[in-house]
Amino acid sequence: MKAEFLELLARNCNADGVANRVAQADALSREVATFLNGVDPAIRRAALDLMMAEISSRMTNPESTQGKPSPEVIAWARESFDKEEFLAELRQVEQTGGSELKEFLHELRTGEPNHG
């Protein structure tokens, strides 16, 4: 990922900003991974999805970059959360031990589900 990210930044940032942006992104990804490692494995995916929605919201609505999640994100979370689906997924994780990172790495990298 670092090489791909570096190439993306090199194409879109001035030369002086690339190294700094890569270092920032690396530190942030480490921090997010540390945070998610402290979350119950059964809900890590949901936590990551909510974080991605919040980041996306903050990118399109810069004034919401401080404080609580935007009302849109809260509404989305309330509308999209299905308790029965969550409990079914939780039971599946308890029974099977969950998924390995390699099974959804494509989705983490691209934001698109891996259908293969």
PDB file of N, CA and C in Angstrom:
ATOM      1  N   MET A   1       0.818  -1.184   0.000  1.00  0.00           N
ATOM      2  CA  MET A   1       0.000   0.000   0.000  1.00  0.00           C
ATOM      3  C   MET A   1       0.863   1.250   0.000  1.00  0.00           C
ATOM      4  N   LYS A   2       1.966   1.222   0.677  1.00  0.00           N
ATOM      5  CA  LYS A   2       2.784   2.417   0.755  1.00  0.00           C
ATOM      6  C   LYS A   2       3.260   2.860  -0.619  1.00  0.00           C
ATOM      7  N   ALA A   3       3.678   1.933  -1.459  1.00  0.00           N
ATOM      8  CA  ALA A   3       4.158   2.299  -2.792  1.00  0.00           C
ATOM      9  C   ALA A   3       3.022   2.897  -3.616  1.00  0.00           C
ATOM     10  N   GLU A   4       1.840   2.292  -3.560  1.00  0.00           N
ATOM     11  CA  GLU A   4       0.692   2.819  -4.289  1.00  0.00           C
ATOM     12  C   GLU A   4       0.319   4.197  -3.773  1.00  0.00           C
ATOM     13  N   PHE A   5       0.342   4.362  -2.466  1.00  0.00           N
ATOM     14  CA  PHE A   5      -0.001   5.640  -1.869  1.00  0.00           C
ATOM     15  C   PHE A   5       1.025   6.702  -2.234  1.00  0.00           C
ATOM     16  N   LEU A   6       2.282   6.319  -2.202  1.00  0.00           N
ATOM     17  CA  LEU A   6       3.351   7.252  -2.573  1.00  0.00           C
ATOM     18  C   LEU A   6       3.189   7.706  -4.021  1.00  0.00           C
ATOM     19  N   GLU A   7       2.863   6.774  -4.912  1.00  0.00           N
ATOM     20  CA  GLU A   7       2.651   7.128  -6.311  1.00  0.00           C
ATOM     21  C   GLU A   7       1.468   8.078  -6.470  1.00  0.00           C
ATOM     22  N   LEU A   8       0.387   7.812  -5.750  1.00  0.00           N
ATOM     23  CA  LEU A   8      -0.786   8.683  -5.798  1.00  0.00           C
ATOM     24  C   LEU A   8      -0.426  10.088  -5.343  1.00  0.00           C
ATOM     25  N   LEU A   9       0.276  10.194  -4.238  1.00  0.00           N
ATOM     26  CA  LEU A   9       0.664  11.502  -3.735  1.00  0.00           C
ATOM     27  C   LEU A   9       1.647  12.199  -4.664  1.00  0.00           C
ATOM     28  N   ALA A  10       2.579  11.437  -5.219  1.00  0.00           N
ATOM     29  CA  ALA A  10       3.575  12.028  -6.116  1.00  0.00           C
ATOM     30  C   ALA A  10       2.900  12.664  -7.327  1.00  0.00           C
ATOM     31  N   ARG A  11       1.817  12.066  -7.771  1.00  0.00           N
ATOM     32  CA  ARG A  11       1.094  12.612  -8.922  1.00  0.00           C
ATOM     33  C   ARG A  11       0.242  13.821  -8.537  1.00  0.00           C
ATOM     34  N   ASN A  12      -0.115  13.944  -7.253  1.00  0.00           N
ATOM     35  CA  ASN A  12      -1.088  14.946  -6.859  1.00  0.00           C
ATOM     36  C   ASN A  12      -0.612  15.976  -5.840  1.00  0.00           C
ATOM     37  N   CYS A  13       0.605  15.885  -5.359  1.00  0.00           N
ATOM     38  CA  CYS A  13       1.134  16.851  -4.386  1.00  0.00           C
ATOM     39  C   CYS A  13       2.441  17.422  -4.912  1.00  0.00           C
ATOM     40  N   ASN A  14       2.799  18.599  -4.390  1.00  0.00           N
ATOM     41  CA  ASN A  14       4.110  19.115  -4.768  1.00  0.00           C
ATOM     42  C   ASN A  14       5.177  18.248  -4.104  1.00  0.00           C
ATOM     43  N   ALA A  15       6.369  18.283  -4.638  1.00  0.00           N
ATOM     44  CA  ALA A  15       7.446  17.390  -4.179  1.00  0.00           C
ATOM     45  C   ALA A  15       7.731  17.544  -2.697  1.00  0.00           C
ATOM     46  N   ASP A  16       7.651  18.758  -2.178  1.00  0.00           N
ATOM     47  CA  ASP A  16       7.943  18.971  -0.770  1.00  0.00           C
ATOM     48  C   ASP A  16       6.889  18.338   0.142  1.00  0.00           C
ATOM     49  N   GLY A  17       5.651  18.213  -0.342  1.00  0.00           N
ATOM     50  CA  GLY A  17       4.572  17.704   0.497  1.00  0.00           C
ATOM     51  C   GLY A  17       4.435  16.196   0.525  1.00  0.00           C
ATOM     52  N   VAL A  18       5.024  15.502  -0.436  1.00  0.00           N
ATOM     53  CA  VAL A  18       4.826  14.056  -0.551  1.00  0.00           C
ATOM     54  C   VAL A  18       5.342  13.304   0.665  1.00  0.00           C
ATOM     55  N   ALA A  19       6.585  13.523   1.038  1.00  0.00           N
ATOM     56  CA  ALA A  19       7.158  12.778   2.161  1.00  0.00           C
ATOM     57  C   ALA A  19       6.387  13.039   3.443  1.00  0.00           C
ATOM     58  N   ASN A  20       5.988  14.283   3.660  1.00  0.00           N
ATOM     59  CA  ASN A  20       5.233  14.628   4.854  1.00  0.00           C
ATOM     60  C   ASN A  20       3.868  13.942   4.854  1.00  0.00           C
ATOM     61  N   ARG A  21       3.185  13.941   3.714  1.00  0.00           N
ATOM     62  CA  ARG A  21       1.862  13.308   3.626  1.00  0.00           C
ATOM     63  C   ARG A  21       1.959  11.793   3.824  1.00  0.00           C
ATOM     64  N   VAL A  22       2.973  11.172   3.264  1.00  0.00           N
ATOM     65  CA  VAL A  22       3.158   9.727   3.439  1.00  0.00           C
ATOM     66  C   VAL A  22       3.397   9.418   4.912  1.00  0.00           C
ATOM     67  N   ALA A  23       4.229  10.203   5.564  1.00  0.00           N
ATOM     68  CA  ALA A  23       4.504   9.988   6.987  1.00  0.00           C
ATOM     69  C   ALA A  23       3.233  10.175   7.815  1.00  0.00           C
ATOM     70  N   GLN A  24       2.437  11.190   7.483  1.00  0.00           N
ATOM     71  CA  GLN A  24       1.185  11.416   8.199  1.00  0.00           C
ATOM     72  C   GLN A  24       0.220  10.252   7.996  1.00  0.00           C
ATOM     73  N   ALA A  25       0.089   9.806   6.753  1.00  0.00           N
ATOM     74  CA  ALA A  25      -0.824   8.704   6.457  1.00  0.00           C
ATOM     75  C   ALA A  25      -0.375   7.424   7.156  1.00  0.00           C
ATOM     76  N   ASP A  26       0.915   7.180   7.168  1.00  0.00           N
ATOM     77  CA  ASP A  26       1.444   5.992   7.839  1.00  0.00           C
ATOM     78  C   ASP A  26       1.144   6.047   9.334  1.00  0.00           C
ATOM     79  N   ALA A  27       1.354   7.206   9.949  1.00  0.00           N
ATOM     80  CA  ALA A  27       1.082   7.355  11.381  1.00  0.00           C
ATOM     81  C   ALA A  27      -0.410   7.193  11.670  1.00  0.00           C
ATOM     82  N   LEU A  28      -1.250   7.769  10.817  1.00  0.00           N
ATOM     83  CA  LEU A  28      -2.690   7.641  11.023  1.00  0.00           C
ATOM     84  C   LEU A  28      -3.152   6.194  10.867  1.00  0.00           C
ATOM     85  N   SER A  29      -2.633   5.494   9.854  1.00  0.00           N
ATOM     86  CA  SER A  29      -3.059   4.106   9.661  1.00  0.00           C
ATOM     87  C   SER A  29      -2.619   3.237  10.830  1.00  0.00           C
ATOM     88  N   ARG A  30      -1.428   3.515  11.372  1.00  0.00           N
ATOM     89  CA  ARG A  30      -0.983   2.788  12.563  1.00  0.00           C
ATOM     90  C   ARG A  30      -1.902   3.063  13.744  1.00  0.00           C
ATOM     91  N   GLU A  31      -2.293   4.328  13.899  1.00  0.00           N
ATOM     92  CA  GLU A  31      -3.163   4.708  15.004  1.00  0.00           C
ATOM     93  C   GLU A  31      -4.549   4.059  14.874  1.00  0.00           C
ATOM     94  N   VAL A  32      -5.088   4.042  13.662  1.00  0.00           N
ATOM     95  CA  VAL A  32      -6.388   3.411  13.434  1.00  0.00           C
ATOM     96  C   VAL A  32      -6.299   1.911  13.701  1.00  0.00           C
ATOM     97  N   ALA A  33      -5.245   1.274  13.226  1.00  0.00           N
ATOM     98  CA  ALA A  33      -5.072  -0.165  13.466  1.00  0.00           C
ATOM     99  C   ALA A  33      -4.966  -0.458  14.959  1.00  0.00           C
ATOM    100  N   THR A  34      -4.236   0.381  15.684  1.00  0.00           N
ATOM    101  CA  THR A  34      -4.124   0.202  17.132  1.00  0.00           C
ATOM    102  C   THR A  34      -5.479   0.345  17.791  1.00  0.00           C
ATOM    103  N   PHE A  35      -6.230   1.360  17.375  1.00  0.00           N
ATOM    104  CA  PHE A  35      -7.572   1.559  17.910  1.00  0.00           C
ATOM    105  C   PHE A  35      -8.450   0.342  17.641  1.00  0.00           C
ATOM    106  N   LEU A  36      -8.469  -0.117  16.382  1.00  0.00           N
ATOM    107  CA  LEU A  36      -9.325  -1.243  16.017  1.00  0.00           C
ATOM    108  C   LEU A  36      -8.908  -2.535  16.701  1.00  0.00           C
ATOM    109  N   ASN A  37      -7.623  -2.691  16.979  1.00  0.00           N
ATOM    110  CA  ASN A  37      -7.181  -3.872  17.719  1.00  0.00           C
ATOM    111  C   ASN A  37      -7.736  -3.902  19.130  1.00  0.00           C
ATOM    112  N   GLY A  38      -8.118  -2.731  19.649  1.00  0.00           N
ATOM    113  CA  GLY A  38      -8.706  -2.657  20.977  1.00  0.00           C
ATOM    114  C   GLY A  38     -10.215  -2.828  20.990  1.00  0.00           C
ATOM    115  N   VAL A  39     -10.809  -2.977  19.798  1.00  0.00           N
ATOM    116  CA  VAL A  39     -12.256  -3.143  19.668  1.00  0.00           C
ATOM    117  C   VAL A  39     -12.578  -4.631  19.579  1.00  0.00           C
ATOM    118  N   ASP A  40     -13.709  -4.998  20.115  1.00  0.00           N
ATOM    119  CA  ASP A  40     -14.168  -6.391  20.035  1.00  0.00           C
ATOM    120  C   ASP A  40     -14.080  -6.860  18.583  1.00  0.00           C
ATOM    121  N   PRO A  41     -13.373  -7.960  18.314  1.00  0.00           N
ATOM    122  CA  PRO A  41     -13.214  -8.437  16.933  1.00  0.00           C
ATOM    123  C   PRO A  41     -14.532  -8.617  16.188  1.00  0.00           C
ATOM    124  N   ALA A  42     -15.594  -8.913  16.912  1.00  0.00           N
ATOM    125  CA  ALA A  42     -16.878  -9.141  16.261  1.00  0.00           C
ATOM    126  C   ALA A  42     -17.453  -7.874  15.643  1.00  0.00           C
ATOM    127  N   ILE A  43     -17.005  -6.723  16.096  1.00  0.00           N
ATOM    128  CA  ILE A  43     -17.572  -5.486  15.555  1.00  0.00           C
ATOM    129  C   ILE A  43     -16.534  -4.599  14.884  1.00  0.00           C
ATOM    130  N   ARG A  44     -15.322  -5.105  14.667  1.00  0.00           N
ATOM    131  CA  ARG A  44     -14.278  -4.297  14.041  1.00  0.00           C
ATOM    132  C   ARG A  44     -14.691  -3.794  12.661  1.00  0.00           C
ATOM    133  N   ARG A  45     -15.284  -4.654  11.873  1.00  0.00           N
ATOM    134  CA  ARG A  45     -15.686  -4.260  10.513  1.00  0.00           C
ATOM    135  C   ARG A  45     -16.691  -3.116  10.574  1.00  0.00           C
ATOM    136  N   ALA A  46     -17.675  -3.235  11.459  1.00  0.00           N
ATOM    137  CA  ALA A  46     -18.677  -2.180  11.595  1.00  0.00           C
ATOM    138  C   ALA A  46     -18.023  -0.888  12.078  1.00  0.00           C
ATOM    139  N   ALA A  47     -17.083  -0.998  13.003  1.00  0.00           N
ATOM    140  CA  ALA A  47     -16.378   0.184  13.506  1.00  0.00           C
ATOM    141  C   ALA A  47     -15.588   0.842  12.378  1.00  0.00           C
ATOM    142  N   LEU A  48     -14.917   0.047  11.560  1.00  0.00           N
ATOM    143  CA  LEU A  48     -14.160   0.586  10.430  1.00  0.00           C
ATOM    144  C   LEU A  48     -15.092   1.249   9.427  1.00  0.00           C
ATOM    145  N   ASP A  49     -16.232   0.631   9.148  1.00  0.00           N
ATOM    146  CA  ASP A  49     -17.196   1.221   8.222  1.00  0.00           C
ATOM    147  C   ASP A  49     -17.684   2.575   8.729  1.00  0.00           C
ATOM    148  N   LEU A  50     -17.975   2.649  10.028  1.00  0.00           N
ATOM    149  CA  LEU A  50     -18.431   3.917  10.597  1.00  0.00           C
ATOM    150  C   LEU A  50     -17.331   4.974  10.535  1.00  0.00           C
ATOM    151  N   MET A  51     -16.102   4.561  10.778  1.00  0.00           N
ATOM    152  CA  MET A  51     -14.987   5.498  10.689  1.00  0.00           C
ATOM    153  C   MET A  51     -14.833   6.011   9.253  1.00  0.00           C
ATOM    154  N   MET A  52     -14.949   5.123   8.285  1.00  0.00           N
ATOM    155  CA  MET A  52     -14.825   5.528   6.885  1.00  0.00           C
ATOM    156  C   MET A  52     -15.949   6.488   6.506  1.00  0.00           C
ATOM    157  N   ALA A  53     -17.161   6.230   6.982  1.00  0.00           N
ATOM    158  CA  ALA A  53     -18.287   7.131   6.707  1.00  0.00           C
ATOM    159  C   ALA A  53     -18.036   8.500   7.327  1.00  0.00           C
ATOM    160  N   GLU A  54     -17.510   8.509   8.527  1.00  0.00           N
ATOM    161  CA  GLU A  54     -17.219   9.781   9.196  1.00  0.00           C
ATOM    162  C   GLU A  54     -16.125  10.548   8.468  1.00  0.00           C
ATOM    163  N   ILE A  55     -15.092   9.856   8.056  1.00  0.00           N
ATOM    164  CA  ILE A  55     -14.013  10.510   7.310  1.00  0.00           C
ATOM    165  C   ILE A  55     -14.562  11.090   6.007  1.00  0.00           C
ATOM    166  N   SER A  56     -15.358  10.302   5.308  1.00  0.00           N
ATOM    167  CA  SER A  56     -15.947  10.770   4.059  1.00  0.00           C
ATOM    168  C   SER A  56     -16.811  12.006   4.295  1.00  0.00           C
ATOM    169  N   SER A  57     -17.596  11.992   5.348  1.00  0.00           N
ATOM    170  CA  SER A  57     -18.444  13.128   5.686  1.00  0.00           C
ATOM    171  C   SER A  57     -17.601  14.364   5.978  1.00  0.00           C
ATOM    172  N   ARG A  58     -16.524  14.181   6.704  1.00  0.00           N
ATOM    173  CA  ARG A  58     -15.672  15.318   7.051  1.00  0.00           C
ATOM    174  C   ARG A  58     -14.931  15.864   5.836  1.00  0.00           C
ATOM    175  N   MET A  59     -14.680  15.018   4.865  1.00  0.00           N
ATOM    176  CA  MET A  59     -14.018  15.486   3.651  1.00  0.00           C
ATOM    177  C   MET A  59     -14.956  16.369   2.827  1.00  0.00           C
ATOM    178  N   THR A  60     -16.239  16.044   2.819  1.00  0.00           N
ATOM    179  CA  THR A  60     -17.203  16.825   2.049  1.00  0.00           C
ATOM    180  C   THR A  60     -17.801  17.963   2.852  1.00  0.00           C
ATOM    181  N   ASN A  61     -17.610  17.941   4.178  1.00  0.00           N
ATOM    182  CA  ASN A  61     -18.171  18.958   5.052  1.00  0.00           C
ATOM    183  C   ASN A  61     -17.091  19.377   6.050  1.00  0.00           C
ATOM    184  N   PRO A  62     -16.090  20.164   5.604  1.00  0.00           N
ATOM    185  CA  PRO A  62     -14.930  20.472   6.444  1.00  0.00           C
ATOM    186  C   PRO A  62     -15.261  21.100   7.786  1.00  0.00           C
ATOM    187  N   GLU A  63     -16.363  21.840   7.889  1.00  0.00           N
ATOM    188  CA  GLU A  63     -16.679  22.451   9.174  1.00  0.00           C
ATOM    189  C   GLU A  63     -17.067  21.427  10.238  1.00  0.00           C
ATOM    190  N   SER A  64     -17.315  20.192   9.835  1.00  0.00           N
ATOM    191  CA  SER A  64     -17.668  19.166  10.808  1.00  0.00           C
ATOM    192  C   SER A  64     -16.457  18.352  11.254  1.00  0.00           C
ATOM    193  N   THR A  65     -15.246  18.867  11.041  1.00  0.00           N
ATOM    194  CA  THR A  65     -14.050  18.097  11.382  1.00  0.00           C
ATOM    195  C   THR A  65     -13.726  18.113  12.865  1.00  0.00           C
ATOM    196  N   GLN A  66     -14.505  18.801  13.662  1.00  0.00           N
ATOM    197  CA  GLN A  66     -14.276  18.834  15.112  1.00  0.00           C
ATOM    198  C   GLN A  66     -15.512  18.315  15.829  1.00  0.00           C
ATOM    199  N   GLY A  67     -15.290  17.635  16.945  1.00  0.00           N
ATOM    200  CA  GLY A  67     -16.409  17.250  17.799  1.00  0.00           C
ATOM    201  C   GLY A  67     -17.115  15.989  17.378  1.00  0.00           C
ATOM    202  N   LYS A  68     -18.421  16.013  17.537  1.00  0.00           N
ATOM    203  CA  LYS A  68     -19.263  14.836  17.327  1.00  0.00           C
ATOM    204  C   LYS A  68     -19.415  14.490  15.841  1.00  0.00           C
ATOM    205  N   PRO A  69     -19.826  13.245  15.580  1.00  0.00           N
ATOM    206  CA  PRO A  69     -20.138  12.878  14.191  1.00  0.00           C
ATOM    207  C   PRO A  69     -21.247  13.772  13.657  1.00  0.00           C
ATOM    208  N   SER A  70     -21.246  13.984  12.366  1.00  0.00           N
ATOM    209  CA  SER A  70     -22.263  14.840  11.753  1.00  0.00           C
ATOM    210  C   SER A  70     -23.640  14.187  11.903  1.00  0.00           C
ATOM    211  N   PRO A  71     -24.694  14.993  11.859  1.00  0.00           N
ATOM    212  CA  PRO A  71     -26.052  14.432  11.930  1.00  0.00           C
ATOM    213  C   PRO A  71     -26.311  13.412  10.823  1.00  0.00           C
ATOM    214  N   GLU A  72     -25.692  13.634   9.664  1.00  0.00           N
ATOM    215  CA  GLU A  72     -25.879  12.689   8.557  1.00  0.00           C
ATOM    216  C   GLU A  72     -25.299  11.318   8.885  1.00  0.00           C
ATOM    217  N   VAL A  73     -24.123  11.309   9.506  1.00  0.00           N
ATOM    218  CA  VAL A  73     -23.486  10.044   9.867  1.00  0.00           C
ATOM    219  C   VAL A  73     -24.298   9.340  10.955  1.00  0.00           C
ATOM    220  N   ILE A  74     -24.771  10.091  11.915  1.00  0.00           N
ATOM    221  CA  ILE A  74     -25.594   9.494  12.977  1.00  0.00           C
ATOM    222  C   ILE A  74     -26.874   8.919  12.381  1.00  0.00           C
ATOM    223  N   ALA A  75     -27.519   9.670  11.488  1.00  0.00           N
ATOM    224  CA  ALA A  75     -28.737   9.175  10.841  1.00  0.00           C
ATOM    225  C   ALA A  75     -28.442   7.926  10.022  1.00  0.00           C
ATOM    226  N   TRP A  76     -27.327   7.953   9.273  1.00  0.00           N
ATOM    227  CA  TRP A  76     -26.952   6.775   8.474  1.00  0.00           C
ATOM    228  C   TRP A  76     -26.729   5.559   9.375  1.00  0.00           C
ATOM    229  N   ALA A  77     -26.012   5.761  10.488  1.00  0.00           N
ATOM    230  CA  ALA A  77     -25.734   4.647  11.393  1.00  0.00           C
ATOM    231  C   ALA A  77     -27.034   4.081  11.966  1.00  0.00           C
ATOM    232  N   ARG A  78     -27.937   4.956  12.359  1.00  0.00           N
ATOM    233  CA  ARG A  78     -29.220   4.493  12.910  1.00  0.00           C
ATOM    234  C   ARG A  78     -30.047   3.757  11.867  1.00  0.00           C
ATOM    235  N   GLU A  79     -30.041   4.278  10.642  1.00  0.00           N
ATOM    236  CA  GLU A  79     -30.839   3.665   9.579  1.00  0.00           C
ATOM    237  C   GLU A  79     -30.243   2.356   9.093  1.00  0.00           C
ATOM    238  N   SER A  80     -28.918   2.279   9.068  1.00  0.00           N
ATOM    239  CA  SER A  80     -28.279   1.103   8.480  1.00  0.00           C
ATOM    240  C   SER A  80     -28.037  -0.018   9.485  1.00  0.00           C
ATOM    241  N   PHE A  81     -28.135   0.276  10.773  1.00  0.00           N
ATOM    242  CA  PHE A  81     -27.882  -0.759  11.767  1.00  0.00           C
ATOM    243  C   PHE A  81     -29.104  -1.654  11.892  1.00  0.00           C
ATOM    244  N   ASP A  82     -28.871  -2.933  11.732  1.00  0.00           N
ATOM    245  CA  ASP A  82     -29.923  -3.937  11.875  1.00  0.00           C
ATOM    246  C   ASP A  82     -29.489  -4.881  12.985  1.00  0.00           C
ATOM    247  N   LYS A  83     -30.183  -4.808  14.105  1.00  0.00           N
ATOM    248  CA  LYS A  83     -29.791  -5.587  15.276  1.00  0.00           C
ATOM    249  C   LYS A  83     -29.767  -7.084  14.983  1.00  0.00           C
ATOM    250  N   GLU A  84     -30.770  -7.581  14.288  1.00  0.00           N
ATOM    251  CA  GLU A  84     -30.825  -9.012  13.984  1.00  0.00           C
ATOM    252  C   GLU A  84     -29.668  -9.426  13.078  1.00  0.00           C
ATOM    253  N   GLU A  85     -29.351  -8.593  12.093  1.00  0.00           N
ATOM    254  CA  GLU A  85     -28.219  -8.887  11.209  1.00  0.00           C
ATOM    255  C   GLU A  85     -26.914  -8.883  11.999  1.00  0.00           C
ATOM    256  N   PHE A  86     -26.773  -7.894  12.880  1.00  0.00           N
ATOM    257  CA  PHE A  86     -25.580  -7.815  13.713  1.00  0.00           C
ATOM    258  C   PHE A  86     -25.438  -9.054  14.582  1.00  0.00           C
ATOM    259  N   LEU A  87     -26.524  -9.468  15.221  1.00  0.00           N
ATOM    260  CA  LEU A  87     -26.472 -10.653  16.086  1.00  0.00           C
ATOM    261  C   LEU A  87     -26.176 -11.913  15.281  1.00  0.00           C
ATOM    262  N   ALA A  88     -26.731 -12.010  14.080  1.00  0.00           N
ATOM    263  CA  ALA A  88     -26.447 -13.165  13.222  1.00  0.00           C
ATOM    264  C   ALA A  88     -24.967 -13.196  12.838  1.00  0.00           C
ATOM    265  N   GLU A  89     -24.423 -12.024  12.478  1.00  0.00           N
ATOM    266  CA  GLU A  89     -22.993 -11.942  12.155  1.00  0.00           C
ATOM    267  C   GLU A  89     -22.140 -12.285  13.366  1.00  0.00           C
ATOM    268  N   LEU A  90     -22.543 -11.804  14.524  1.00  0.00           N
ATOM    269  CA  LEU A  90     -21.808 -12.092  15.752  1.00  0.00           C
ATOM    270  C   LEU A  90     -21.798 -13.595  16.034  1.00  0.00           C
ATOM    271  N   ARG A  91     -22.955 -14.237  15.884  1.00  0.00           N
ATOM    272  CA  ARG A  91     -23.014 -15.699  16.086  1.00  0.00           C
ATOM    273  C   ARG A  91     -22.108 -16.421  15.087  1.00  0.00           C
ATOM    274  N   GLN A  92     -22.098 -15.947  13.846  1.00  0.00           N
ATOM    275  CA  GLN A  92     -21.248 -16.569  12.830  1.00  0.00           C
ATOM    276  C   GLN A  92     -19.777 -16.431  13.212  1.00  0.00           C
ATOM    277  N   VAL A  93     -19.378 -15.263  13.672  1.00  0.00           N
ATOM    278  CA  VAL A  93     -17.990 -15.047  14.075  1.00  0.00           C
ATOM    279  C   VAL A  93     -17.647 -15.944  15.260  1.00  0.00           C
ATOM    280  N   GLU A  94     -18.557 -16.039  16.196  1.00  0.00           N
ATOM    281  CA  GLU A  94     -18.310 -16.903  17.356  1.00  0.00           C
ATOM    282  C   GLU A  94     -18.154 -18.361  16.933  1.00  0.00           C
ATOM    283  N   GLN A  95     -18.928 -18.795  15.936  1.00  0.00           N
ATOM    284  CA  GLN A  95     -18.880 -20.182  15.482  1.00  0.00           C
ATOM    285  C   GLN A  95     -17.673 -20.477  14.599  1.00  0.00           C
ATOM    286  N   THR A  96     -17.316 -19.529  13.734  1.00  0.00           N
ATOM    287  CA  THR A  96     -16.275 -19.791  12.745  1.00  0.00           C
ATOM    288  C   THR A  96     -14.928 -19.172  13.074  1.00  0.00           C
ATOM    289  N   GLY A  97     -14.916 -18.259  14.026  1.00  0.00           N
ATOM    290  CA  GLY A  97     -13.671 -17.573  14.352  1.00  0.00           C
ATOM    291  C   GLY A  97     -13.443 -16.329  13.514  1.00  0.00           C
ATOM    292  N   GLY A  98     -14.393 -16.003  12.640  1.00  0.00           N
ATOM    293  CA  GLY A  98     -14.302 -14.770  11.856  1.00  0.00           C
ATOM    294  C   GLY A  98     -13.484 -14.922  10.593  1.00  0.00           C
ATOM    295  N   SER A  99     -13.222 -13.804   9.962  1.00  0.00           N
ATOM    296  CA  SER A  99     -12.483 -13.771   8.708  1.00  0.00           C
ATOM    297  C   SER A  99     -11.038 -13.369   8.955  1.00  0.00           C
ATOM    298  N   GLU A 100     -10.195 -13.744   8.028  1.00  0.00           N
ATOM    299  CA  GLU A 100      -8.810 -13.301   8.072  1.00  0.00           C
ATOM    300  C   GLU A 100      -8.691 -12.027   7.252  1.00  0.00           C
ATOM    301  N   LEU A 101      -7.712 -11.219   7.581  1.00  0.00           N
ATOM    302  CA  LEU A 101      -7.497  -9.948   6.897  1.00  0.00           C
ATOM    303  C   LEU A 101      -7.426 -10.128   5.385  1.00  0.00           C
ATOM    304  N   LYS A 102      -6.749 -11.177   4.929  1.00  0.00           N
ATOM    305  CA  LYS A 102      -6.585 -11.364   3.488  1.00  0.00           C
ATOM    306  C   LYS A 102      -7.923 -11.543   2.770  1.00  0.00           C
ATOM    307  N   GLU A 103      -8.969 -11.935   3.529  1.00  0.00           N
ATOM    308  CA  GLU A 103     -10.267 -12.149   2.911  1.00  0.00           C
ATOM    309  C   GLU A 103     -10.974 -10.840   2.570  1.00  0.00           C
ATOM    310  N   PHE A 104     -10.619  -9.748   3.219  1.00  0.00           N
ATOM    311  CA  PHE A 104     -11.246  -8.479   2.873  1.00  0.00           C
ATOM    312  C   PHE A 104     -10.230  -7.360   2.664  1.00  0.00           C
ATOM    313  N   LEU A 105      -8.987  -7.723   2.391  1.00  0.00           N
ATOM    314  CA  LEU A 105      -7.937  -6.748   2.148  1.00  0.00           C
ATOM    315  C   LEU A 105      -8.240  -5.890   0.918  1.00  0.00           C
ATOM    316  N   HIS A 106      -8.771  -6.511  -0.132  1.00  0.00           N
ATOM    317  CA  HIS A 106      -9.131  -5.753  -1.340  1.00  0.00           C
ATOM    318  C   HIS A 106     -10.114  -4.636  -0.995  1.00  0.00           C
ATOM    319  N   GLU A 107     -11.099  -4.947  -0.194  1.00  0.00           N
ATOM    320  CA  GLU A 107     -12.100  -3.939   0.180  1.00  0.00           C
ATOM    321  C   GLU A 107     -11.477  -2.817   0.999  1.00  0.00           C
ATOM    322  N   LEU A 108     -10.562  -3.153   1.887  1.00  0.00           N
ATOM    323  CA  LEU A 108      -9.893  -2.129   2.679  1.00  0.00           C
ATOM    324  C   LEU A 108      -9.062  -1.211   1.792  1.00  0.00           C
ATOM    325  N   ARG A 109      -8.429  -1.787   0.782  1.00  0.00           N
ATOM    326  CA  ARG A 109      -7.569  -0.996  -0.104  1.00  0.00           C
ATOM    327  C   ARG A 109      -8.361  -0.121  -1.063  1.00  0.00           C
ATOM    328  N   THR A 110      -9.471  -0.656  -1.574  1.00  0.00           N
ATOM    329  CA  THR A 110     -10.192   0.046  -2.648  1.00  0.00           C
ATOM    330  C   THR A 110     -11.537   0.599  -2.226  1.00  0.00           C
ATOM    331  N   GLY A 111     -12.084   0.106  -1.130  1.00  0.00           N
ATOM    332  CA  GLY A 111     -13.426   0.512  -0.727  1.00  0.00           C
ATOM    333  C   GLY A 111     -14.515  -0.252  -1.463  1.00  0.00           C
ATOM    334  N   GLU A 112     -14.107  -1.225  -2.291  1.00  0.00           N
ATOM    335  CA  GLU A 112     -15.056  -2.014  -3.053  1.00  0.00           C
ATOM    336  C   GLU A 112     -15.001  -3.470  -2.595  1.00  0.00           C
ATOM    337  N   PRO A 113     -16.163  -4.110  -2.442  1.00  0.00           N
ATOM    338  CA  PRO A 113     -16.167  -5.524  -2.032  1.00  0.00           C
ATOM    339  C   PRO A 113     -15.447  -6.402  -3.043  1.00  0.00           C
ATOM    340  N   ASN A 114     -14.782  -7.424  -2.539  1.00  0.00           N
ATOM    341  CA  ASN A 114     -14.110  -8.392  -3.399  1.00  0.00           C
ATOM    342  C   ASN A 114     -15.115  -9.475  -3.740  1.00  0.00           C
ATOM    343  N   HIS A 115     -15.456  -9.579  -5.007  1.00  0.00           N
ATOM    344  CA  HIS A 115     -16.452 -10.571  -5.428  1.00  0.00           C
ATOM    345  C   HIS A 115     -15.808 -11.837  -5.954  1.00  0.00           C
ATOM    346  N   GLY A 116     -14.496 -11.935  -5.776  1.00  0.00           N
ATOM    347  CA  GLY A 116     -13.799 -13.102  -6.337  1.00  0.00           C
ATOM    348  C   GLY A 116     -13.384 -14.086  -5.327  1.00  0.00           C
TER     349      GLY A 116
END
